[in-house]
């Protein structure tokens, strides 16, 4: 059974804030945080009327397996920062210079 992506994302945010409040910055580790994430289990139930749809009993999400995957992907994407856009621009600029030099 897939886990509900929306409920899981909410729980992850709660865990992160609690972890940051309770743990000193020097002692923080990604592995510890990922172990806490592994404990999150919010399974969705199969809709008995339509065998390919799932229902979250906690938040009411009703979706197919593909929709659950799409929601999970969107929630896990991080926002593009100004530095990311700057790096993309620099990459584009350097690539166009190389192409100009070859011609």
Protein backbone atom coordinates (compact mmCIF):
# COMPACT_ATOMS: atom_id res chain seq x y z
CA UNK A 1 0.00 0.00 0.00
CA UNK A 2 1.31 3.46 -0.79
CA UNK A 3 1.65 6.04 1.96
CA UNK A 4 -0.43 9.19 1.68
CA UNK A 5 1.95 11.81 0.21
CA UNK A 6 0.17 14.82 1.72
CA UNK A 7 -0.01 13.43 5.25
CA UNK A 8 3.58 12.19 4.99
CA UNK A 9 4.79 15.65 3.90
CA UNK A 10 3.01 17.27 6.85
CA UNK A 11 4.53 14.77 9.27
CA UNK A 12 8.01 15.34 7.81
CA UNK A 13 7.66 19.10 8.36
CA UNK A 14 6.64 18.50 11.98
CA UNK A 15 9.59 16.16 12.53
CA UNK A 16 12.04 18.64 10.99
CA UNK A 17 10.87 21.54 13.17
CA UNK A 18 10.91 19.39 16.31
CA UNK A 19 14.36 18.01 15.44
CA UNK A 20 15.76 21.50 14.84
CA UNK A 21 14.33 22.75 18.14
CA UNK A 22 15.62 19.84 20.22
CA UNK A 23 19.01 19.21 18.60
CA UNK A 24 21.95 21.58 18.62
CA UNK A 25 23.16 22.58 15.15
CA UNK A 26 26.56 20.93 15.66
CA UNK A 27 24.94 17.58 16.53
CA UNK A 28 22.50 17.43 13.63
CA UNK A 29 22.92 14.71 11.04
CA UNK A 30 20.99 13.81 7.94
CA UNK A 31 21.08 10.11 8.82
CA UNK A 32 19.31 10.77 12.13
CA UNK A 33 16.63 12.76 10.35
CA UNK A 34 16.14 10.07 7.70
CA UNK A 35 15.74 7.44 10.43
CA UNK A 36 12.92 9.53 11.88
CA UNK A 37 11.35 9.79 8.41
CA UNK A 38 11.39 6.01 8.05
CA UNK A 39 9.08 5.72 11.05
CA UNK A 40 6.29 7.58 9.23
CA UNK A 41 3.64 5.17 7.99
CA UNK A 42 0.28 6.48 6.81
CA UNK A 43 -0.99 3.75 4.48
CA UNK A 44 -3.85 4.42 2.12
CA UNK A 45 -6.72 1.94 1.76
CA UNK A 46 -7.88 0.48 -1.53
CA UNK A 47 -11.28 1.70 -2.67
CA UNK A 48 -13.44 -1.45 -2.74
CA UNK A 49 -15.63 -0.13 -5.57
CA UNK A 50 -12.68 0.75 -7.84
CA UNK A 51 -9.71 -1.47 -7.29
CA UNK A 52 -7.13 0.94 -8.78
CA UNK A 53 -7.95 3.92 -6.51
CA UNK A 54 -6.69 4.61 -3.00
CA UNK A 55 -8.24 6.56 -0.12
CA UNK A 56 -6.44 8.18 2.81
CA UNK A 57 -8.55 7.75 5.93
CA UNK A 58 -6.70 10.62 7.59
CA UNK A 59 -7.02 13.47 5.07
CA UNK A 60 -9.50 12.06 2.55
CA UNK A 61 -7.19 12.05 -0.48
CA UNK A 62 -8.69 9.94 -3.26
CA UNK A 63 -6.29 9.12 -6.08
CA UNK A 64 -4.92 6.49 -8.41
CA UNK A 65 -1.39 5.11 -7.99
CA UNK A 66 -0.14 7.45 -10.74
CA UNK A 67 -1.75 10.49 -9.10
CA UNK A 68 -0.20 9.54 -5.75
CA UNK A 69 3.19 9.35 -7.48
CA UNK A 70 2.68 12.76 -9.13
CA UNK A 71 1.66 14.36 -5.83
CA UNK A 72 4.68 12.86 -4.08
CA UNK A 73 6.97 14.19 -6.82
CA UNK A 74 5.52 17.71 -6.57
CA UNK A 75 5.78 17.76 -2.78
CA UNK A 76 9.39 16.54 -2.81
CA UNK A 77 10.57 19.13 -5.34
CA UNK A 78 12.43 21.93 -3.70
CA UNK A 79 11.85 25.50 -4.74
CA UNK A 80 14.33 27.00 -7.14
CA UNK A 81 16.42 29.58 -5.36
CA UNK A 82 18.02 32.65 -6.84
CA UNK A 83 21.37 30.83 -6.82
CA UNK A 84 19.89 27.98 -8.86
CA UNK A 85 18.63 30.41 -11.47
CA UNK A 86 22.00 32.17 -11.47
CA UNK A 87 23.83 28.87 -11.99
CA UNK A 88 21.51 27.96 -14.85
CA UNK A 89 22.16 31.32 -16.48
CA UNK A 90 25.93 30.95 -16.12
CA UNK A 91 25.77 27.47 -17.60
CA UNK A 92 23.73 28.78 -20.54
CA UNK A 93 26.10 31.72 -21.03
CA UNK A 94 29.23 29.58 -21.04
CA UNK A 95 27.62 27.05 -23.36
CA UNK A 96 26.71 29.73 -25.89
CA UNK A 97 30.26 31.14 -25.79
CA UNK A 98 31.73 27.73 -26.59
CA UNK A 99 29.38 27.29 -29.50
CA UNK A 100 30.34 30.73 -30.85
CA UNK A 101 34.05 29.89 -30.62
CA UNK A 102 33.60 26.64 -32.55
CA UNK A 103 31.91 28.37 -35.47
